[in-house]
PDB file of all heavy atoms in Angstrom:
ATOM      1  N   THR A   1       0.244   7.061   3.616  1.00  0.00           N
ATOM      2  CA  THR A   1       1.329   6.084   3.720  1.00  0.00           C
ATOM      3  C   THR A   1       0.874   4.660   3.407  1.00  0.00           C
ATOM      4  O   THR A   1       1.589   3.704   3.695  1.00  0.00           O
ATOM      5  CB  THR A   1       1.952   6.123   5.135  1.00  0.00           C
ATOM      6  OG1 THR A   1       0.918   5.946   6.115  1.00  0.00           O
ATOM      7  CG2 THR A   1       2.661   7.447   5.373  1.00  0.00           C
ATOM      8  N   GLY A   2      -0.327   4.523   2.849  1.00  0.00           N
ATOM      9  CA  GLY A   2      -0.718   3.245   2.256  1.00  0.00           C
ATOM     10  C   GLY A   2      -1.398   2.230   3.150  1.00  0.00           C
ATOM     11  O   GLY A   2      -1.368   1.025   2.847  1.00  0.00           O
ATOM     12  N   THR A   3      -2.066   2.685   4.212  1.00  0.00           N
ATOM     13  CA  THR A   3      -2.739   1.720   5.096  1.00  0.00           C
ATOM     14  C   THR A   3      -3.774   0.905   4.337  1.00  0.00           C
ATOM     15  O   THR A   3      -3.853  -0.321   4.483  1.00  0.00           O
ATOM     16  CB  THR A   3      -3.404   2.442   6.282  1.00  0.00           C
ATOM     17  OG1 THR A   3      -2.415   3.187   7.002  1.00  0.00           O
ATOM     18  CG2 THR A   3      -4.067   1.446   7.222  1.00  0.00           C
ATOM     19  N   THR A   4      -4.580   1.567   3.507  1.00  0.00           N
ATOM     20  CA  THR A   4      -5.602   0.851   2.743  1.00  0.00           C
ATOM     21  C   THR A   4      -4.981  -0.203   1.842  1.00  0.00           C
ATOM     22  O   THR A   4      -5.454  -1.342   1.765  1.00  0.00           O
ATOM     23  CB  THR A   4      -6.438   1.833   1.907  1.00  0.00           C
ATOM     24  OG1 THR A   4      -7.042   2.792   2.781  1.00  0.00           O
ATOM     25  CG2 THR A   4      -7.522   1.111   1.134  1.00  0.00           C
ATOM     26  N   GLY A   5      -3.917   0.148   1.168  1.00  0.00           N
ATOM     27  CA  GLY A   5      -3.254  -0.802   0.270  1.00  0.00           C
ATOM     28  C   GLY A   5      -2.627  -1.957   1.013  1.00  0.00           C
ATOM     29  O   GLY A   5      -2.680  -3.111   0.562  1.00  0.00           O
ATOM     30  N   ALA A   6      -2.020  -1.678   2.167  1.00  0.00           N
ATOM     31  CA  ALA A   6      -1.385  -2.739   2.956  1.00  0.00           C
ATOM     32  C   ALA A   6      -2.424  -3.753   3.426  1.00  0.00           C
ATOM     33  O   ALA A   6      -2.208  -4.968   3.348  1.00  0.00           O
ATOM     34  CB  ALA A   6      -0.648  -2.132   4.148  1.00  0.00           C
ATOM     35  N   VAL A   7      -3.560  -3.253   3.898  1.00  0.00           N
ATOM     36  CA  VAL A   7      -4.615  -4.154   4.378  1.00  0.00           C
ATOM     37  C   VAL A   7      -5.248  -4.912   3.214  1.00  0.00           C
ATOM     38  O   VAL A   7      -5.507  -6.113   3.302  1.00  0.00           O
ATOM     39  CB  VAL A   7      -5.681  -3.365   5.161  1.00  0.00           C
ATOM     40  CG1 VAL A   7      -6.866  -4.260   5.516  1.00  0.00           C
ATOM     41  CG2 VAL A   7      -5.071  -2.769   6.420  1.00  0.00           C
ATOM     42  N   ALA A   8      -5.505  -4.204   2.109  1.00  0.00           N
ATOM     43  CA  ALA A   8      -6.094  -4.866   0.940  1.00  0.00           C
ATOM     44  C   ALA A   8      -5.194  -5.986   0.434  1.00  0.00           C
ATOM     45  O   ALA A   8      -5.666  -7.082   0.103  1.00  0.00           O
ATOM     46  CB  ALA A   8      -6.347  -3.838  -0.159  1.00  0.00           C
ATOM     47  N   LYS A   9      -3.897  -5.742   0.368  1.00  0.00           N
ATOM     48  CA  LYS A   9      -2.978  -6.776  -0.100  1.00  0.00           C
ATOM     49  C   LYS A   9      -2.960  -7.957   0.856  1.00  0.00           C
ATOM     50  O   LYS A   9      -2.977  -9.120   0.422  1.00  0.00           O
ATOM     51  CB  LYS A   9      -1.564  -6.197  -0.247  1.00  0.00           C
ATOM     52  CG  LYS A   9      -0.557  -7.225  -0.790  1.00  0.00           C
ATOM     53  CD  LYS A   9       0.834  -6.627  -0.949  1.00  0.00           C
ATOM     54  CE  LYS A   9       1.824  -7.679  -1.431  1.00  0.00           C
ATOM     55  NZ  LYS A   9       3.198  -7.124  -1.562  1.00  0.00           N
ATOM     56  N   ARG A  10      -2.948  -7.683   2.159  1.00  0.00           N
ATOM     57  CA  ARG A  10      -2.941  -8.776   3.139  1.00  0.00           C
ATOM     58  C   ARG A  10      -4.203  -9.622   3.005  1.00  0.00           C
ATOM     59  O   ARG A  10      -4.156 -10.843   3.171  1.00  0.00           O
ATOM     60  CB  ARG A  10      -2.818  -8.204   4.551  1.00  0.00           C
ATOM     61  CG  ARG A  10      -2.901  -9.247   5.647  1.00  0.00           C
ATOM     62  CD  ARG A  10      -2.285  -8.743   6.948  1.00  0.00           C
ATOM     63  NE  ARG A  10      -2.859  -7.488   7.373  1.00  0.00           N
ATOM     64  CZ  ARG A  10      -3.959  -7.375   8.134  1.00  0.00           C
ATOM     65  NH1 ARG A  10      -4.600  -8.469   8.511  1.00  0.00           N
ATOM     66  NH2 ARG A  10      -4.399  -6.202   8.513  1.00  0.00           N
ATOM     67  N   LEU A  11      -5.336  -8.982   2.689  1.00  0.00           N
ATOM     68  CA  LEU A  11      -6.602  -9.708   2.540  1.00  0.00           C
ATOM     69  C   LEU A  11      -6.824 -10.199   1.110  1.00  0.00           C
ATOM     70  O   LEU A  11      -7.927 -10.630   0.759  1.00  0.00           O
ATOM     71  CB  LEU A  11      -7.761  -8.803   2.974  1.00  0.00           C
ATOM     72  CG  LEU A  11      -7.745  -8.378   4.449  1.00  0.00           C
ATOM     73  CD1 LEU A  11      -8.884  -7.418   4.744  1.00  0.00           C
ATOM     74  CD2 LEU A  11      -7.819  -9.597   5.361  1.00  0.00           C
ATOM     75  N   ASP A  12      -5.782 -10.116   0.280  1.00  0.00           N
ATOM     76  CA  ASP A  12      -5.814 -10.639  -1.085  1.00  0.00           C
ATOM     77  C   ASP A  12      -6.873  -9.959  -1.943  1.00  0.00           C
ATOM     78  O   ASP A  12      -7.553 -10.594  -2.748  1.00  0.00           O
ATOM     79  CB  ASP A  12      -6.041 -12.155  -1.073  1.00  0.00           C
ATOM     80  CG  ASP A  12      -5.554 -12.817  -2.374  1.00  0.00           C
ATOM     81  OD1 ASP A  12      -4.657 -12.247  -3.011  1.00  0.00           O
ATOM     82  OD2 ASP A  12      -6.078 -13.871  -2.745  1.00  0.00           O
ATOM     83  N   LEU A  13      -7.002  -8.628  -1.781  1.00  0.00           N
ATOM     84  CA  LEU A  13      -7.885  -7.819  -2.620  1.00  0.00           C
ATOM     85  C   LEU A  13      -7.043  -6.911  -3.503  1.00  0.00           C
ATOM     86  O   LEU A  13      -5.854  -6.696  -3.268  1.00  0.00           O
ATOM     87  CB  LEU A  13      -8.817  -6.965  -1.752  1.00  0.00           C
ATOM     88  CG  LEU A  13      -9.874  -7.711  -0.936  1.00  0.00           C
ATOM     89  CD1 LEU A  13     -10.521  -6.759   0.054  1.00  0.00           C
ATOM     90  CD2 LEU A  13     -10.928  -8.314  -1.834  1.00  0.00           C
ATOM     91  N   GLN A  14      -7.675  -6.345  -4.505  1.00  0.00           N
ATOM     92  CA  GLN A  14      -7.010  -5.411  -5.392  1.00  0.00           C
ATOM     93  C   GLN A  14      -7.220  -3.985  -4.888  1.00  0.00           C
ATOM     94  O   GLN A  14      -8.250  -3.682  -4.293  1.00  0.00           O
ATOM     95  CB  GLN A  14      -7.566  -5.540  -6.810  1.00  0.00           C
ATOM     96  CG  GLN A  14      -7.454  -6.941  -7.394  1.00  0.00           C
ATOM     97  CD  GLN A  14      -8.112  -7.032  -8.746  1.00  0.00           C
ATOM     98  OE1 GLN A  14      -7.568  -6.588  -9.748  1.00  0.00           O
ATOM     99  NE2 GLN A  14      -9.307  -7.604  -8.782  1.00  0.00           N
ATOM    100  N   PHE A  15      -6.251  -3.120  -5.146  1.00  0.00           N
ATOM    101  CA  PHE A  15      -6.385  -1.745  -4.683  1.00  0.00           C
ATOM    102  C   PHE A  15      -5.817  -0.767  -5.714  1.00  0.00           C
ATOM    103  O   PHE A  15      -4.992  -1.128  -6.562  1.00  0.00           O
ATOM    104  CB  PHE A  15      -5.667  -1.541  -3.340  1.00  0.00           C
ATOM    105  CG  PHE A  15      -4.156  -1.566  -3.445  1.00  0.00           C
ATOM    106  CD1 PHE A  15      -3.427  -0.409  -3.712  1.00  0.00           C
ATOM    107  CD2 PHE A  15      -3.453  -2.755  -3.290  1.00  0.00           C
ATOM    108  CE1 PHE A  15      -2.047  -0.434  -3.819  1.00  0.00           C
ATOM    109  CE2 PHE A  15      -2.070  -2.803  -3.398  1.00  0.00           C
ATOM    110  CZ  PHE A  15      -1.366  -1.628  -3.666  1.00  0.00           C
ATOM    111  N   ILE A  16      -6.288   0.459  -5.605  1.00  0.00           N
ATOM    112  CA  ILE A  16      -5.731   1.596  -6.337  1.00  0.00           C
ATOM    113  C   ILE A  16      -5.616   2.734  -5.343  1.00  0.00           C
ATOM    114  O   ILE A  16      -6.582   3.061  -4.648  1.00  0.00           O
ATOM    115  CB  ILE A  16      -6.614   2.024  -7.517  1.00  0.00           C
ATOM    116  CG1 ILE A  16      -6.757   0.897  -8.538  1.00  0.00           C
ATOM    117  CG2 ILE A  16      -6.044   3.276  -8.184  1.00  0.00           C
ATOM    118  CD1 ILE A  16      -7.777   1.194  -9.624  1.00  0.00           C
ATOM    119  N   GLY A  17      -4.450   3.325  -5.245  1.00  0.00           N
ATOM    120  CA  GLY A  17      -4.254   4.469  -4.358  1.00  0.00           C
ATOM    121  C   GLY A  17      -3.849   5.700  -5.149  1.00  0.00           C
ATOM    122  O   GLY A  17      -3.111   5.596  -6.127  1.00  0.00           O
ATOM    123  N   ILE A  18      -4.360   6.855  -4.726  1.00  0.00           N
ATOM    124  CA  ILE A  18      -3.972   8.128  -5.329  1.00  0.00           C
ATOM    125  C   ILE A  18      -3.385   8.997  -4.226  1.00  0.00           C
ATOM    126  O   ILE A  18      -3.993   9.164  -3.173  1.00  0.00           O
ATOM    127  CB  ILE A  18      -5.178   8.842  -5.980  1.00  0.00           C
ATOM    128  CG1 ILE A  18      -5.814   7.959  -7.048  1.00  0.00           C
ATOM    129  CG2 ILE A  18      -4.748  10.184  -6.564  1.00  0.00           C
ATOM    130  CD1 ILE A  18      -7.098   8.534  -7.635  1.00  0.00           C
ATOM    131  N   GLU A  19      -2.199   9.531  -4.457  1.00  0.00           N
ATOM    132  CA  GLU A  19      -1.534  10.346  -3.439  1.00  0.00           C
ATOM    133  C   GLU A  19      -0.716  11.451  -4.118  1.00  0.00           C
ATOM    134  O   GLU A  19       0.050  11.175  -5.038  1.00  0.00           O
ATOM    135  CB  GLU A  19      -0.633   9.473  -2.569  1.00  0.00           C
ATOM    136  CG  GLU A  19       0.196  10.214  -1.544  1.00  0.00           C
ATOM    137  CD  GLU A  19      -0.643  11.131  -0.670  1.00  0.00           C
ATOM    138  OE1 GLU A  19      -1.651  10.667  -0.102  1.00  0.00           O
ATOM    139  OE2 GLU A  19      -0.285  12.330  -0.575  1.00  0.00           O
ATOM    140  N   GLN A  20      -0.881  12.687  -3.639  1.00  0.00           N
ATOM    141  CA  GLN A  20      -0.201  13.815  -4.272  1.00  0.00           C
ATOM    142  C   GLN A  20       1.194  14.087  -3.708  1.00  0.00           C
ATOM    143  O   GLN A  20       2.021  14.724  -4.365  1.00  0.00           O
ATOM    144  CB  GLN A  20      -1.049  15.082  -4.131  1.00  0.00           C
ATOM    145  CG  GLN A  20      -1.186  15.606  -2.715  1.00  0.00           C
ATOM    146  CD  GLN A  20      -1.967  16.900  -2.645  1.00  0.00           C
ATOM    147  OE1 GLN A  20      -2.522  17.353  -3.643  1.00  0.00           O
ATOM    148  NE2 GLN A  20      -2.012  17.509  -1.466  1.00  0.00           N
ATOM    149  N   GLU A  21       1.473  13.594  -2.499  1.00  0.00           N
ATOM    150  CA  GLU A  21       2.769  13.856  -1.885  1.00  0.00           C
ATOM    151  C   GLU A  21       3.758  12.753  -2.247  1.00  0.00           C
ATOM    152  O   GLU A  21       3.561  11.586  -1.902  1.00  0.00           O
ATOM    153  CB  GLU A  21       2.625  13.952  -0.360  1.00  0.00           C
ATOM    154  CG  GLU A  21       1.670  15.026   0.130  1.00  0.00           C
ATOM    155  CD  GLU A  21       2.189  16.425  -0.138  1.00  0.00           C
ATOM    156  OE1 GLU A  21       3.438  16.607  -0.151  1.00  0.00           O
ATOM    157  OE2 GLU A  21       1.367  17.334  -0.343  1.00  0.00           O
ATOM    158  N   ALA A  22       4.838  13.128  -2.911  1.00  0.00           N
ATOM    159  CA  ALA A  22       5.814  12.137  -3.371  1.00  0.00           C
ATOM    160  C   ALA A  22       6.436  11.363  -2.213  1.00  0.00           C
ATOM    161  O   ALA A  22       6.705  10.156  -2.328  1.00  0.00           O
ATOM    162  CB  ALA A  22       6.911  12.828  -4.178  1.00  0.00           C
ATOM    163  N   SER A  23       6.665  12.030  -1.076  1.00  0.00           N
ATOM    164  CA  SER A  23       7.276  11.350   0.067  1.00  0.00           C
ATOM    165  C   SER A  23       6.373  10.231   0.589  1.00  0.00           C
ATOM    166  O   SER A  23       6.855   9.158   0.972  1.00  0.00           O
ATOM    167  CB  SER A  23       7.568  12.354   1.184  1.00  0.00           C
ATOM    168  OG  SER A  23       6.370  12.994   1.618  1.00  0.00           O
ATOM    169  N   TYR A  24       5.055  10.467   0.586  1.00  0.00           N
ATOM    170  CA  TYR A  24       4.129   9.433   1.039  1.00  0.00           C
ATOM    171  C   TYR A  24       4.075   8.271   0.052  1.00  0.00           C
ATOM    172  O   TYR A  24       3.948   7.108   0.456  1.00  0.00           O
ATOM    173  CB  TYR A  24       2.726  10.004   1.221  1.00  0.00           C
ATOM    174  CG  TYR A  24       2.590  11.035   2.321  1.00  0.00           C
ATOM    175  CD1 TYR A  24       1.535  11.934   2.327  1.00  0.00           C
ATOM    176  CD2 TYR A  24       3.519  11.115   3.359  1.00  0.00           C
ATOM    177  CE1 TYR A  24       1.391  12.888   3.334  1.00  0.00           C
ATOM    178  CE2 TYR A  24       3.392  12.062   4.367  1.00  0.00           C
ATOM    179  CZ  TYR A  24       2.326  12.948   4.346  1.00  0.00           C
ATOM    180  OH  TYR A  24       2.188  13.886   5.333  1.00  0.00           O
ATOM    181  N   VAL A  25       4.171   8.579  -1.223  1.00  0.00           N
ATOM    182  CA  VAL A  25       4.159   7.521  -2.239  1.00  0.00           C
ATOM    183  C   VAL A  25       5.330   6.567  -2.020  1.00  0.00           C
ATOM    184  O   VAL A  25       5.181   5.341  -2.088  1.00  0.00           O
ATOM    185  CB  VAL A  25       4.201   8.126  -3.656  1.00  0.00           C
ATOM    186  CG1 VAL A  25       4.391   7.019  -4.706  1.00  0.00           C
ATOM    187  CG2 VAL A  25       2.929   8.912  -3.951  1.00  0.00           C
ATOM    188  N   LYS A  26       6.507   7.116  -1.733  1.00  0.00           N
ATOM    189  CA  LYS A  26       7.692   6.286  -1.507  1.00  0.00           C
ATOM    190  C   LYS A  26       7.511   5.397  -0.273  1.00  0.00           C
ATOM    191  O   LYS A  26       7.837   4.208  -0.288  1.00  0.00           O
ATOM    192  CB  LYS A  26       8.927   7.171  -1.336  1.00  0.00           C
ATOM    193  CG  LYS A  26       9.350   7.890  -2.606  1.00  0.00           C
ATOM    194  CD  LYS A  26      10.577   8.756  -2.353  1.00  0.00           C
ATOM    195  CE  LYS A  26      10.990   9.512  -3.616  1.00  0.00           C
ATOM    196  NZ  LYS A  26      12.153  10.395  -3.361  1.00  0.00           N
ATOM    197  N   ILE A  27       6.980   5.987   0.795  1.00  0.00           N
ATOM    198  CA  ILE A  27       6.773   5.217   2.022  1.00  0.00           C
ATOM    199  C   ILE A  27       5.759   4.102   1.787  1.00  0.00           C
ATOM    200  O   ILE A  27       5.958   2.948   2.186  1.00  0.00           O
ATOM    201  CB  ILE A  27       6.302   6.143   3.159  1.00  0.00           C
ATOM    202  CG1 ILE A  27       7.415   7.116   3.545  1.00  0.00           C
ATOM    203  CG2 ILE A  27       5.856   5.328   4.373  1.00  0.00           C
ATOM    204  CD1 ILE A  27       6.967   8.233   4.473  1.00  0.00           C
ATOM    205  N   ALA A  28       4.639   4.454   1.141  1.00  0.00           N
ATOM    206  CA  ALA A  28       3.584   3.469   0.887  1.00  0.00           C
ATOM    207  C   ALA A  28       4.084   2.331  -0.001  1.00  0.00           C
ATOM    208  O   ALA A  28       3.742   1.162   0.216  1.00  0.00           O
ATOM    209  CB  ALA A  28       2.381   4.150   0.248  1.00  0.00           C
ATOM    210  N   THR A  29       4.891   2.666  -0.984  1.00  0.00           N
ATOM    211  CA  THR A  29       5.430   1.647  -1.900  1.00  0.00           C
ATOM    212  C   THR A  29       6.272   0.635  -1.133  1.00  0.00           C
ATOM    213  O   THR A  29       6.133  -0.581  -1.312  1.00  0.00           O
ATOM    214  CB  THR A  29       6.263   2.306  -3.008  1.00  0.00           C
ATOM    215  OG1 THR A  29       5.434   3.222  -3.743  1.00  0.00           O
ATOM    216  CG2 THR A  29       6.817   1.267  -3.963  1.00  0.00           C
ATOM    217  N   ARG A  30       7.157   1.118  -0.274  1.00  0.00           N
ATOM    218  CA  ARG A  30       7.996   0.226   0.539  1.00  0.00           C
ATOM    219  C   ARG A  30       7.136  -0.601   1.495  1.00  0.00           C
ATOM    220  O   ARG A  30       7.364  -1.808   1.665  1.00  0.00           O
ATOM    221  CB  ARG A  30       9.020   1.039   1.338  1.00  0.00           C
ATOM    222  CG  ARG A  30      10.084   1.734   0.531  1.00  0.00           C
ATOM    223  CD  ARG A  30      11.268   2.129   1.416  1.00  0.00           C
ATOM    224  NE  ARG A  30      10.849   2.955   2.546  1.00  0.00           N
ATOM    225  CZ  ARG A  30      10.838   4.281   2.541  1.00  0.00           C
ATOM    226  NH1 ARG A  30      11.213   4.951   1.447  1.00  0.00           N
ATOM    227  NH2 ARG A  30      10.476   4.967   3.606  1.00  0.00           N
ATOM    228  N   ARG A  31       6.194   0.053   2.109  1.00  0.00           N
ATOM    229  CA  ARG A  31       5.349  -0.619   3.106  1.00  0.00           C
ATOM    230  C   ARG A  31       4.557  -1.771   2.486  1.00  0.00           C
ATOM    231  O   ARG A  31       4.521  -2.877   3.022  1.00  0.00           O
ATOM    232  CB  ARG A  31       4.408   0.413   3.718  1.00  0.00           C
ATOM    233  CG  ARG A  31       3.420  -0.145   4.727  1.00  0.00           C
ATOM    234  CD  ARG A  31       2.476   0.948   5.179  1.00  0.00           C
ATOM    235  NE  ARG A  31       1.565   0.518   6.222  1.00  0.00           N
ATOM    236  CZ  ARG A  31       0.615   1.281   6.734  1.00  0.00           C
ATOM    237  NH1 ARG A  31       0.462   2.534   6.289  1.00  0.00           N
ATOM    238  NH2 ARG A  31      -0.191   0.820   7.682  1.00  0.00           N
ATOM    239  N   ILE A  32       3.930  -1.513   1.365  1.00  0.00           N
ATOM    240  CA  ILE A  32       3.078  -2.524   0.734  1.00  0.00           C
ATOM    241  C   ILE A  32       3.917  -3.672   0.170  1.00  0.00           C
ATOM    242  O   ILE A  32       3.501  -4.828   0.193  1.00  0.00           O
ATOM    243  CB  ILE A  32       2.200  -1.870  -0.340  1.00  0.00           C
ATOM    244  CG1 ILE A  32       1.217  -0.899   0.331  1.00  0.00           C
ATOM    245  CG2 ILE A  32       1.441  -2.911  -1.164  1.00  0.00           C
ATOM    246  CD1 ILE A  32       0.481   0.003  -0.630  1.00  0.00           C
ATOM    247  N   ALA A  33       5.101  -3.359  -0.319  1.00  0.00           N
ATOM    248  CA  ALA A  33       5.979  -4.405  -0.863  1.00  0.00           C
ATOM    249  C   ALA A  33       6.345  -5.424   0.201  1.00  0.00           C
ATOM    250  O   ALA A  33       6.606  -6.594  -0.107  1.00  0.00           O
ATOM    251  CB  ALA A  33       7.235  -3.777  -1.450  1.00  0.00           C
ATOM    252  N   ALA A  34       6.346  -5.012   1.453  1.00  0.00           N
ATOM    253  CA  ALA A  34       6.733  -5.911   2.543  1.00  0.00           C
ATOM    254  C   ALA A  34       5.579  -6.759   3.068  1.00  0.00           C
ATOM    255  O   ALA A  34       5.778  -7.624   3.932  1.00  0.00           O
ATOM    256  CB  ALA A  34       7.319  -5.095   3.692  1.00  0.00           C
ATOM    257  N   VAL A  35       4.357  -6.536   2.560  1.00  0.00           N
ATOM    258  CA  VAL A  35       3.178  -7.257   3.054  1.00  0.00           C
ATOM    259  C   VAL A  35       3.054  -8.609   2.365  1.00  0.00           C
ATOM    260  O   VAL A  35       3.183  -8.713   1.142  1.00  0.00           O
ATOM    261  CB  VAL A  35       1.895  -6.431   2.809  1.00  0.00           C
ATOM    262  CG1 VAL A  35       0.652  -7.252   3.150  1.00  0.00           C
ATOM    263  CG2 VAL A  35       1.931  -5.150   3.631  1.00  0.00           C
ATOM    264  N   THR A  36       2.792  -9.647   3.142  1.00  0.00           N
ATOM    265  CA  THR A  36       2.553 -10.991   2.596  1.00  0.00           C
ATOM    266  C   THR A  36       1.055 -11.271   2.636  1.00  0.00           C
ATOM    267  O   THR A  36       0.448 -11.239   3.713  1.00  0.00           O
ATOM    268  CB  THR A  36       3.286 -12.060   3.411  1.00  0.00           C
ATOM    269  OG1 THR A  36       4.692 -11.785   3.384  1.00  0.00           O
ATOM    270  CG2 THR A  36       3.024 -13.451   2.846  1.00  0.00           C
ATOM    271  N   PRO A  37       0.431 -11.558   1.486  1.00  0.00           N
ATOM    272  CA  PRO A  37      -1.011 -11.825   1.486  1.00  0.00           C
ATOM    273  C   PRO A  37      -1.355 -13.127   2.202  1.00  0.00           C
ATOM    274  O   PRO A  37      -0.547 -14.050   2.271  1.00  0.00           O
ATOM    275  CB  PRO A  37      -1.353 -11.932  -0.013  1.00  0.00           C
ATOM    276  CG  PRO A  37      -0.189 -11.342  -0.738  1.00  0.00           C
ATOM    277  CD  PRO A  37       1.000 -11.567   0.137  1.00  0.00           C
ATOM    278  N   ILE A  38      -2.559 -13.175   2.741  1.00  0.00           N
ATOM    279  CA  ILE A  38      -3.099 -14.428   3.269  1.00  0.00           C
ATOM    280  C   ILE A  38      -3.519 -15.253   2.065  1.00  0.00           C
ATOM    281  O   ILE A  38      -4.408 -14.862   1.309  1.00  0.00           O
ATOM    282  CB  ILE A  38      -4.307 -14.166   4.191  1.00  0.00           C
ATOM    283  CG1 ILE A  38      -3.885 -13.310   5.386  1.00  0.00           C
ATOM    284  CG2 ILE A  38      -4.931 -15.474   4.656  1.00  0.00           C
ATOM    285  CD1 ILE A  38      -5.044 -12.821   6.229  1.00  0.00           C
TER     286      ILE A  38
END
């Protein structure tokens, strides 16, 4: 569900995530979009 991506974005780092479950991809996409970087 994108914990690594959410934290990386908040810390202003770049990330790449690989996920095979489509439902998790949708959740992670929404979650990360809502993160504001420092």
